[in-house]
């Protein structure tokens, strides 16, 4: 007799908004803010869908002019600032990629409005004529909470199948 056990996992819906920013930031200049909106870019419905976790990814590039230090700070609404250090120009230019987790207050903002503001700033390093970088893109990835009732239902169905198999096996042994 062959017995097959089926295991299942509950999966969560994912929404994302990847946007090309294309903003050149020079040291000491004003901050630049950008709105990542999953209600426009994806099928997220404000007031209906819920986000349980999210992260924001940033892509920064140095202009490779060897013009000094390019220290960057990144900001996520309701989550705060992240100092990412230097976006370096070693060996003719390189890049920075970072992904940051959105805190509960940020998740509440996404659930209420379907969007989240992010920002970047080129920090002052002692010489206003130096230090710049290019903010290429940003991405908001949001995940629905794992539906716990479905997980419990799957576990219950598996236990019921085991109980049924055992009962059938016991009945066949008694015959």
C-alpha atoms as a PDB file:
ATOM      1  CA  UNK A   1       0.000   0.000   0.000  1.00  0.00           C
ATOM      2  CA  UNK A   2       1.329   3.419  -0.945  1.00  0.00           C
ATOM      3  CA  UNK A   3       0.457   6.346   1.243  1.00  0.00           C
ATOM      4  CA  UNK A   4       0.896   9.899   0.009  1.00  0.00           C
ATOM      5  CA  UNK A   5       1.091  12.785   2.411  1.00  0.00           C
ATOM      6  CA  UNK A   6       0.421  16.232   1.065  1.00  0.00           C
ATOM      7  CA  UNK A   7       1.956  19.144   2.887  1.00  0.00           C
ATOM      8  CA  UNK A   8       0.883  22.650   2.164  1.00  0.00           C
ATOM      9  CA  UNK A   9       1.934  26.088   3.126  1.00  0.00           C
ATOM     10  CA  UNK A  10      -0.113  29.198   3.135  1.00  0.00           C
ATOM     11  CA  UNK A  11       1.314  31.851   0.862  1.00  0.00           C
ATOM     12  CA  UNK A  12       0.973  35.590   1.054  1.00  0.00           C
ATOM     13  CA  UNK A  13       0.248  38.096  -1.697  1.00  0.00           C
ATOM     14  CA  UNK A  14       3.137  40.411  -2.599  1.00  0.00           C
ATOM     15  CA  UNK A  15       2.890  43.911  -4.064  1.00  0.00           C
ATOM     16  CA  UNK A  16       5.788  45.984  -5.341  1.00  0.00           C
ATOM     17  CA  UNK A  17       6.592  49.331  -6.899  1.00  0.00           C
ATOM     18  CA  UNK A  18       9.992  49.674  -8.589  1.00  0.00           C
ATOM     19  CA  UNK A  19      10.597  53.208  -9.793  1.00  0.00           C
ATOM     20  CA  UNK A  20      13.418  54.752 -11.736  1.00  0.00           C
ATOM     21  CA  UNK A  21      14.352  57.895  -9.774  1.00  0.00           C
ATOM     22  CA  UNK A  22      17.174  59.332 -11.881  1.00  0.00           C
ATOM     23  CA  UNK A  23      18.164  62.065  -9.419  1.00  0.00           C
ATOM     24  CA  UNK A  24      21.684  63.513  -9.089  1.00  0.00           C
ATOM     25  CA  UNK A  25      22.397  64.577  -5.485  1.00  0.00           C
ATOM     26  CA  UNK A  26      25.263  66.941  -4.700  1.00  0.00           C
ATOM     27  CA  UNK A  27      26.818  67.289  -1.251  1.00  0.00           C
ATOM     28  CA  UNK A  28      24.996  69.679   1.047  1.00  0.00           C
ATOM     29  CA  UNK A  29      22.030  70.197  -1.283  1.00  0.00           C
ATOM     30  CA  UNK A  30      18.479  69.781  -0.096  1.00  0.00           C
ATOM     31  CA  UNK A  31      16.948  66.420   0.524  1.00  0.00           C
ATOM     32  CA  UNK A  32      15.119  64.648  -2.261  1.00  0.00           C
ATOM     33  CA  UNK A  33      11.879  62.799  -1.470  1.00  0.00           C
ATOM     34  CA  UNK A  34      10.060  60.238  -3.561  1.00  0.00           C
ATOM     35  CA  UNK A  35       6.669  58.528  -3.233  1.00  0.00           C
ATOM     36  CA  UNK A  36       6.558  54.748  -3.745  1.00  0.00           C
ATOM     37  CA  UNK A  37       2.917  53.807  -4.340  1.00  0.00           C
ATOM     38  CA  UNK A  38       1.766  50.169  -4.526  1.00  0.00           C
ATOM     39  CA  UNK A  39      -1.874  51.183  -5.037  1.00  0.00           C
ATOM     40  CA  UNK A  40      -0.979  52.642  -8.450  1.00  0.00           C
ATOM     41  CA  UNK A  41       1.791  50.290  -9.559  1.00  0.00           C
ATOM     42  CA  UNK A  42       0.110  47.069  -8.471  1.00  0.00           C
ATOM     43  CA  UNK A  43      -3.326  45.754  -7.531  1.00  0.00           C
ATOM     44  CA  UNK A  44      -3.173  46.809  -3.855  1.00  0.00           C
ATOM     45  CA  UNK A  45      -6.583  48.125  -2.752  1.00  0.00           C
ATOM     46  CA  UNK A  46      -6.463  50.626   0.129  1.00  0.00           C
ATOM     47  CA  UNK A  47      -8.890  49.645   2.883  1.00  0.00           C
ATOM     48  CA  UNK A  48      -9.257  46.085   1.584  1.00  0.00           C
ATOM     49  CA  UNK A  49      -5.756  44.617   1.336  1.00  0.00           C
ATOM     50  CA  UNK A  50      -3.432  44.568   4.342  1.00  0.00           C
ATOM     51  CA  UNK A  51       0.367  44.607   4.503  1.00  0.00           C
ATOM     52  CA  UNK A  52       2.105  42.546   7.201  1.00  0.00           C
ATOM     53  CA  UNK A  53       5.745  43.219   6.272  1.00  0.00           C
ATOM     54  CA  UNK A  54       7.629  45.396   3.795  1.00  0.00           C
ATOM     55  CA  UNK A  55      11.089  46.453   2.737  1.00  0.00           C
ATOM     56  CA  UNK A  56      12.501  49.307   0.678  1.00  0.00           C
ATOM     57  CA  UNK A  57      15.468  48.813  -1.644  1.00  0.00           C
ATOM     58  CA  UNK A  58      17.732  51.629  -2.863  1.00  0.00           C
ATOM     59  CA  UNK A  59      20.184  51.756  -5.790  1.00  0.00           C
ATOM     60  CA  UNK A  60      22.836  54.509  -5.661  1.00  0.00           C
ATOM     61  CA  UNK A  61      25.724  55.091  -8.078  1.00  0.00           C
ATOM     62  CA  UNK A  62      28.835  57.204  -7.900  1.00  0.00           C
ATOM     63  CA  UNK A  63      29.573  59.457 -10.867  1.00  0.00           C
ATOM     64  CA  UNK A  64      33.168  58.093 -10.891  1.00  0.00           C
ATOM     65  CA  UNK A  65      34.721  61.560 -11.144  1.00  0.00           C
ATOM     66  CA  UNK A  66      37.037  60.932  -8.170  1.00  0.00           C
ATOM     67  CA  UNK A  67      35.735  64.158  -6.656  1.00  0.00           C
ATOM     68  CA  UNK A  68      35.840  63.272  -2.991  1.00  0.00           C
ATOM     69  CA  UNK A  69      33.703  61.317  -0.607  1.00  0.00           C
ATOM     70  CA  UNK A  70      30.087  60.587  -1.443  1.00  0.00           C
ATOM     71  CA  UNK A  71      28.428  59.828   1.868  1.00  0.00           C
ATOM     72  CA  UNK A  72      24.748  59.016   1.558  1.00  0.00           C
ATOM     73  CA  UNK A  73      21.900  58.977   4.026  1.00  0.00           C
ATOM     74  CA  UNK A  74      18.599  57.308   3.186  1.00  0.00           C
ATOM     75  CA  UNK A  75      15.208  57.861   4.790  1.00  0.00           C
ATOM     76  CA  UNK A  76      12.033  55.756   4.992  1.00  0.00           C
ATOM     77  CA  UNK A  77       8.792  57.356   6.179  1.00  0.00           C
ATOM     78  CA  UNK A  78       7.930  56.474   9.790  1.00  0.00           C
ATOM     79  CA  UNK A  79      11.038  54.239   9.943  1.00  0.00           C
ATOM     80  CA  UNK A  80      13.859  56.770  10.006  1.00  0.00           C
ATOM     81  CA  UNK A  81      17.320  57.546   8.634  1.00  0.00           C
ATOM     82  CA  UNK A  82      20.024  55.092   7.595  1.00  0.00           C
ATOM     83  CA  UNK A  83      23.611  56.255   7.089  1.00  0.00           C
ATOM     84  CA  UNK A  84      24.950  54.044   4.340  1.00  0.00           C
ATOM     85  CA  UNK A  85      28.460  55.430   4.244  1.00  0.00           C
ATOM     86  CA  UNK A  86      30.381  56.181   1.114  1.00  0.00           C
ATOM     87  CA  UNK A  87      29.133  55.520  -2.383  1.00  0.00           C
ATOM     88  CA  UNK A  88      32.666  55.024  -3.622  1.00  0.00           C
ATOM     89  CA  UNK A  89      34.341  55.687  -6.930  1.00  0.00           C
ATOM     90  CA  UNK A  90      37.054  53.060  -6.527  1.00  0.00           C
ATOM     91  CA  UNK A  91      38.191  51.575  -9.836  1.00  0.00           C
ATOM     92  CA  UNK A  92      36.149  53.855 -12.058  1.00  0.00           C
ATOM     93  CA  UNK A  93      32.836  53.838 -10.228  1.00  0.00           C
ATOM     94  CA  UNK A  94      30.826  51.383  -8.235  1.00  0.00           C
ATOM     95  CA  UNK A  95      27.381  51.229  -6.763  1.00  0.00           C
ATOM     96  CA  UNK A  96      25.463  50.781  -3.555  1.00  0.00           C
ATOM     97  CA  UNK A  97      22.457  48.552  -3.053  1.00  0.00           C
ATOM     98  CA  UNK A  98      20.640  48.298   0.257  1.00  0.00           C
ATOM     99  CA  UNK A  99      17.334  46.888   1.454  1.00  0.00           C
ATOM    100  CA  UNK A 100      15.774  48.106   4.690  1.00  0.00           C
ATOM    101  CA  UNK A 101      12.843  46.726   6.683  1.00  0.00           C
ATOM    102  CA  UNK A 102       9.855  49.009   7.214  1.00  0.00           C
ATOM    103  CA  UNK A 103       8.719  49.271  10.862  1.00  0.00           C
ATOM    104  CA  UNK A 104       5.119  48.939  12.137  1.00  0.00           C
ATOM    105  CA  UNK A 105       4.367  52.675  11.822  1.00  0.00           C
ATOM    106  CA  UNK A 106       5.478  52.500   8.175  1.00  0.00           C
ATOM    107  CA  UNK A 107       3.275  49.447   7.608  1.00  0.00           C
ATOM    108  CA  UNK A 108       0.339  51.362   9.092  1.00  0.00           C
ATOM    109  CA  UNK A 109       1.009  54.176   6.589  1.00  0.00           C
ATOM    110  CA  UNK A 110       1.054  51.723   3.672  1.00  0.00           C
ATOM    111  CA  UNK A 111      -2.192  50.117   4.871  1.00  0.00           C
ATOM    112  CA  UNK A 112      -3.893  53.517   5.280  1.00  0.00           C
ATOM    113  CA  UNK A 113      -2.708  55.192   2.051  1.00  0.00           C
ATOM    114  CA  UNK A 114      -1.101  52.561  -0.208  1.00  0.00           C
ATOM    115  CA  UNK A 115       2.171  54.475  -0.400  1.00  0.00           C
ATOM    116  CA  UNK A 116       5.355  55.313   1.478  1.00  0.00           C
ATOM    117  CA  UNK A 117       7.730  58.255   1.082  1.00  0.00           C
ATOM    118  CA  UNK A 118      11.472  57.662   0.875  1.00  0.00           C
ATOM    119  CA  UNK A 119      14.350  60.099   0.661  1.00  0.00           C
ATOM    120  CA  UNK A 120      18.063  60.544   0.126  1.00  0.00           C
ATOM    121  CA  UNK A 121      20.644  63.137   1.116  1.00  0.00           C
ATOM    122  CA  UNK A 122      24.277  63.697   0.182  1.00  0.00           C
ATOM    123  CA  UNK A 123      26.003  64.417   3.491  1.00  0.00           C
ATOM    124  CA  UNK A 124      28.440  67.293   3.927  1.00  0.00           C
ATOM    125  CA  UNK A 125      32.013  66.023   4.283  1.00  0.00           C
ATOM    126  CA  UNK A 126      33.932  69.280   4.614  1.00  0.00           C
ATOM    127  CA  UNK A 127      34.064  70.591   1.054  1.00  0.00           C
ATOM    128  CA  UNK A 128      30.878  71.828  -0.622  1.00  0.00           C
ATOM    129  CA  UNK A 129      32.384  71.324  -4.070  1.00  0.00           C
ATOM    130  CA  UNK A 130      32.826  67.595  -3.627  1.00  0.00           C
ATOM    131  CA  UNK A 131      30.658  64.600  -2.921  1.00  0.00           C
ATOM    132  CA  UNK A 132      27.825  63.649  -5.178  1.00  0.00           C
ATOM    133  CA  UNK A 133      26.020  60.541  -6.271  1.00  0.00           C
ATOM    134  CA  UNK A 134      23.205  59.398  -8.508  1.00  0.00           C
ATOM    135  CA  UNK A 135      20.009  57.912  -7.042  1.00  0.00           C
ATOM    136  CA  UNK A 136      19.044  55.455  -9.741  1.00  0.00           C
ATOM    137  CA  UNK A 137      16.025  53.629  -8.332  1.00  0.00           C
ATOM    138  CA  UNK A 138      13.953  52.589  -5.339  1.00  0.00           C
ATOM    139  CA  UNK A 139      11.588  49.694  -4.769  1.00  0.00           C
ATOM    140  CA  UNK A 140       8.879  49.099  -2.183  1.00  0.00           C
ATOM    141  CA  UNK A 141       8.030  45.422  -1.693  1.00  0.00           C
ATOM    142  CA  UNK A 142       5.073  44.696   0.578  1.00  0.00           C
ATOM    143  CA  UNK A 143       3.772  41.308   1.718  1.00  0.00           C
ATOM    144  CA  UNK A 144       0.343  40.403   3.019  1.00  0.00           C
ATOM    145  CA  UNK A 145       0.336  38.642   6.392  1.00  0.00           C
ATOM    146  CA  UNK A 146       0.340  34.857   6.177  1.00  0.00           C
ATOM    147  CA  UNK A 147      -3.251  33.795   6.656  1.00  0.00           C
ATOM    148  CA  UNK A 148      -3.089  31.842   9.923  1.00  0.00           C
ATOM    149  CA  UNK A 149      -6.538  30.234   9.606  1.00  0.00           C
ATOM    150  CA  UNK A 150      -5.387  28.615   6.355  1.00  0.00           C
ATOM    151  CA  UNK A 151      -2.274  27.243   8.026  1.00  0.00           C
ATOM    152  CA  UNK A 152      -4.333  25.763  10.839  1.00  0.00           C
ATOM    153  CA  UNK A 153      -6.801  24.311   8.317  1.00  0.00           C
ATOM    154  CA  UNK A 154      -3.955  22.649   6.407  1.00  0.00           C
ATOM    155  CA  UNK A 155      -2.537  21.157   9.584  1.00  0.00           C
ATOM    156  CA  UNK A 156      -5.997  19.956  10.637  1.00  0.00           C
ATOM    157  CA  UNK A 157      -6.577  18.320   7.247  1.00  0.00           C
ATOM    158  CA  UNK A 158      -3.220  16.537   7.520  1.00  0.00           C
ATOM    159  CA  UNK A 159      -4.042  15.244  11.004  1.00  0.00           C
ATOM    160  CA  UNK A 160      -7.483  14.086   9.834  1.00  0.00           C
ATOM    161  CA  UNK A 161      -5.872  12.225   6.931  1.00  0.00           C
ATOM    162  CA  UNK A 162      -3.444  10.522   9.319  1.00  0.00           C
ATOM    163  CA  UNK A 163      -6.294   9.553  11.634  1.00  0.00           C
ATOM    164  CA  UNK A 164      -8.301   8.165   8.705  1.00  0.00           C
ATOM    165  CA  UNK A 165      -5.314   6.185   7.446  1.00  0.00           C
ATOM    166  CA  UNK A 166      -4.679   4.751  10.898  1.00  0.00           C
ATOM    167  CA  UNK A 167      -8.348   3.825  11.356  1.00  0.00           C
ATOM    168  CA  UNK A 168      -8.454   2.109   7.965  1.00  0.00           C
ATOM    169  CA  UNK A 169      -5.225   0.257   8.719  1.00  0.00           C
ATOM    170  CA  UNK A 170      -6.557  -0.909  12.081  1.00  0.00           C
ATOM    171  CA  UNK A 171      -9.842  -2.057  10.468  1.00  0.00           C
ATOM    172  CA  UNK A 172      -7.927  -4.068   7.821  1.00  0.00           C
ATOM    173  CA  UNK A 173      -5.799  -5.768  10.528  1.00  0.00           C
ATOM    174  CA  UNK A 174      -8.926  -6.873  12.427  1.00  0.00           C
ATOM    175  CA  UNK A 175     -10.512  -8.406   9.311  1.00  0.00           C
END
